[in-house]
Protein backbone atom coordinates (compact mmCIF):
# COMPACT_ATOMS: atom_id res chain seq x y z
CA UNK A 1 41.15 45.79 2.66
CA UNK A 2 38.29 46.29 5.00
CA UNK A 3 35.93 46.18 2.04
CA UNK A 4 37.35 42.93 0.72
CA UNK A 5 36.47 41.08 3.88
CA UNK A 6 32.72 41.80 3.67
CA UNK A 7 32.73 40.90 -0.04
CA UNK A 8 34.55 37.67 0.74
CA UNK A 9 32.09 36.88 3.54
CA UNK A 10 29.17 37.69 1.29
CA UNK A 11 30.61 35.38 -1.37
CA UNK A 12 30.99 32.54 1.17
CA UNK A 13 27.49 33.09 2.53
CA UNK A 14 26.10 33.08 -1.01
CA UNK A 15 27.83 29.78 -1.72
CA UNK A 16 26.55 28.26 1.51
CA UNK A 17 23.03 29.41 0.71
CA UNK A 18 23.26 27.99 -2.83
CA UNK A 19 24.52 24.63 -1.55
CA UNK A 20 21.79 24.47 1.09
CA UNK A 21 19.17 25.16 -1.59
CA UNK A 22 20.57 22.26 -3.62
CA UNK A 23 21.07 19.85 -0.74
CA UNK A 24 17.79 20.38 1.14
CA UNK A 25 15.55 18.97 -1.63
CA UNK A 26 18.00 16.10 -2.16
CA UNK A 27 17.85 15.22 1.53
CA UNK A 28 14.05 15.40 1.49
CA UNK A 29 13.94 13.20 -1.62
CA UNK A 30 16.09 10.65 0.19
CA UNK A 31 13.63 10.71 3.09
CA UNK A 32 10.74 10.16 0.71
CA UNK A 33 12.52 7.34 -1.08
CA UNK A 34 12.85 5.72 2.32
CA UNK A 35 9.12 5.56 2.55
CA UNK A 36 7.44 8.63 3.80
CA UNK A 37 6.64 12.23 4.06
CA UNK A 38 5.78 14.41 6.98
CA UNK A 39 2.52 15.59 5.49
CA UNK A 40 0.77 15.85 2.17
CA UNK A 41 1.96 18.77 0.15
CA UNK A 42 5.57 18.43 1.26
CA UNK A 43 8.04 18.76 -1.60
CA UNK A 44 8.48 15.67 -3.71
CA UNK A 45 6.54 13.42 -6.02
CA UNK A 46 5.58 10.88 -3.37
CA UNK A 47 4.03 13.49 -1.08
CA UNK A 48 2.11 14.87 -4.07
CA UNK A 49 0.74 11.42 -4.86
CA UNK A 50 -0.31 10.92 -1.24
CA UNK A 51 -2.12 14.27 -1.30
CA UNK A 52 -3.76 13.41 -4.63
CA UNK A 53 -5.01 10.09 -3.27
CA UNK A 54 -6.54 11.81 -0.24
CA UNK A 55 -8.30 14.32 -2.51
CA UNK A 56 -9.65 11.47 -4.68
CA UNK A 57 -10.92 9.65 -1.59
CA UNK A 58 -12.54 12.85 -0.32
CA UNK A 59 -14.25 13.39 -3.68
CA UNK A 60 -15.54 9.81 -3.59
CA UNK A 61 -16.86 10.26 -0.06
CA UNK A 62 -18.46 13.65 -0.79
CA UNK A 63 -20.25 12.26 -3.85
CA UNK A 64 -21.94 9.84 -1.45
CA UNK A 65 -22.89 12.48 1.10
CA UNK A 66 -20.03 11.77 3.53
CA UNK A 67 -17.66 14.25 5.11
CA UNK A 68 -14.12 14.89 4.01
CA UNK A 69 -11.20 13.23 5.77
CA UNK A 70 -8.67 15.57 7.36
CA UNK A 71 -4.97 14.74 7.17
CA UNK A 72 -3.53 13.44 10.45
CA UNK A 73 0.24 13.16 10.97
CA UNK A 74 -0.14 10.38 13.56
CA UNK A 75 -2.12 8.24 11.11
CA UNK A 76 0.47 8.96 8.41
CA UNK A 77 3.21 7.86 10.82
CA UNK A 78 1.36 4.59 11.44
CA UNK A 79 1.01 4.07 7.67
CA UNK A 80 4.69 4.87 7.14
CA UNK A 81 5.79 2.50 9.89
CA UNK A 82 3.77 -0.32 8.35
CA UNK A 83 5.14 0.28 4.85
CA UNK A 84 8.69 0.36 6.20
CA UNK A 85 8.13 -2.89 8.10
CA UNK A 86 6.59 -4.61 5.07
CA UNK A 87 9.48 -3.49 2.86
CA UNK A 88 12.10 -4.48 5.42
CA UNK A 89 10.63 -7.95 6.03
CA UNK A 90 9.20 -8.58 2.54
CA UNK A 91 5.57 -9.28 3.40
CA UNK A 92 2.27 -7.76 2.34
CA UNK A 93 -0.42 -8.06 5.00
CA UNK A 94 -2.31 -6.06 7.59
CA UNK A 95 -0.44 -7.78 10.43
CA UNK A 96 3.31 -8.33 10.54
CA UNK A 97 4.84 -11.81 10.83
CA UNK A 98 5.52 -10.94 14.49
CA UNK A 99 1.83 -10.19 15.09
CA UNK A 100 1.84 -6.38 15.09
CA UNK A 101 -1.45 -5.10 13.69
CA UNK A 102 -3.08 -1.71 13.26
CA UNK A 103 -3.87 -1.14 16.98
CA UNK A 104 -0.18 -1.62 17.84
CA UNK A 105 0.92 0.84 15.13
CA UNK A 106 -1.65 3.43 16.20
CA UNK A 107 -0.51 3.20 19.81
CA UNK A 108 3.13 3.54 18.75
CA UNK A 109 2.20 6.60 16.66
CA UNK A 110 0.39 8.17 19.61
CA UNK A 111 -3.09 8.08 18.05
CA UNK A 112 -6.03 7.47 20.40
CA UNK A 113 -9.13 6.42 18.50
CA UNK A 114 -12.75 5.36 18.66
CA UNK A 115 -12.62 3.67 15.28
CA UNK A 116 -9.83 2.90 12.83
CA UNK A 117 -9.32 1.03 9.59
CA UNK A 118 -6.54 0.36 7.12
CA UNK A 119 -6.36 -0.20 3.38
CA UNK A 120 -3.28 -1.59 1.62
CA UNK A 121 -2.40 -1.69 -2.05
CA UNK A 122 0.71 -2.73 -3.94
CA UNK A 123 1.75 -2.39 -7.55
CA UNK A 124 -0.58 0.43 -8.58
CA UNK A 125 1.23 3.23 -10.37
CA UNK A 126 -1.18 6.12 -9.75
CA UNK A 127 -3.44 7.39 -6.98
CA UNK A 128 -6.47 6.87 -9.23
CA UNK A 129 -5.56 3.21 -9.85
CA UNK A 130 -5.26 2.71 -6.08
CA UNK A 131 -8.69 4.24 -5.48
CA UNK A 132 -10.23 2.09 -8.24
CA UNK A 133 -8.70 -1.08 -6.75
CA UNK A 134 -10.11 -0.23 -3.32
CA UNK A 135 -13.53 0.65 -4.76
CA UNK A 136 -13.64 -2.78 -6.43
CA UNK A 137 -12.92 -4.60 -3.17
CA UNK A 138 -15.94 -4.72 -0.83
CA UNK A 139 -13.93 -4.57 2.41
CA UNK A 140 -11.69 -1.76 1.22
CA UNK A 141 -14.63 0.17 -0.20
CA UNK A 142 -16.46 -0.18 3.12
CA UNK A 143 -13.44 1.40 4.85
CA UNK A 144 -13.37 4.28 2.35
CA UNK A 145 -17.05 5.00 2.99
CA UNK A 146 -17.09 4.42 6.75
CA UNK A 147 -19.14 7.32 8.06
CA UNK A 148 -17.49 7.69 11.46
CA UNK A 149 -14.02 8.19 10.01
CA UNK A 150 -12.91 11.82 10.03
CA UNK A 151 -9.13 11.64 9.62
CA UNK A 152 -6.63 9.87 7.40
CA UNK A 153 -2.94 9.37 6.87
CA UNK A 154 -1.37 7.91 3.75
CA UNK A 155 2.08 6.63 2.93
CA UNK A 156 3.48 5.63 -0.44
CA UNK A 157 6.68 3.62 -0.37
CA UNK A 158 8.40 3.09 -3.75
CA UNK A 159 10.12 -0.15 -2.74
CA UNK A 160 9.21 -3.60 -4.04
CA UNK A 161 7.56 -6.18 -1.82
CA UNK A 162 6.59 -9.65 -3.00
CA UNK A 163 7.26 -8.58 -6.59
CA UNK A 164 4.99 -5.53 -6.47
CA UNK A 165 6.59 -2.11 -6.57
CA UNK A 166 4.99 0.79 -4.69
CA UNK A 167 3.26 0.10 -1.39
CA UNK A 168 0.27 2.27 -0.53
CA UNK A 169 -1.12 2.34 3.00
CA UNK A 170 -4.15 4.35 4.06
CA UNK A 171 -5.03 4.55 7.74
CA UNK A 172 -8.42 6.01 8.63
CA UNK A 173 -9.47 7.07 12.07
CA UNK A 174 -12.07 8.63 14.29
CA UNK A 175 -10.22 10.17 17.22
CA UNK A 176 -11.17 9.40 20.80
CA UNK A 177 -12.91 12.32 22.45
């Protein structure tokens, strides 16, 4: 009987481990469906698309002699907060109906900066289509190629706002020194 107890415990532990392996990705997917990821490269399709977009932007910048943008979690949090607010209140703009704009979101995310900019897109299905849309918009393209920017955060939210599914927000920054 003493041997049955360890086997039984091992069986229970194995089941718990198996369930945790199944539930952890499902919980993370639910977080992503809610509009964000902790960092590029996290498990899930949305995080992969965010990482791909950053790599495309970095390739675009490097081809023009500019430095790469490093991922910044604070900037990603600001992007995520904006996407969540736009989805919750059904608007698509750089400032919320209540007047919150990028400086407010950066302060709330704890990011101190010298320079910052934001690009929004909605309805594009792929990271490449987002980049192309921004390249074809003078103001957005200027943000992509802004020399002082050294960091970025991106959020992709799959929800629909104003009839366009998939909100993309890029926040660029040059940290305060």
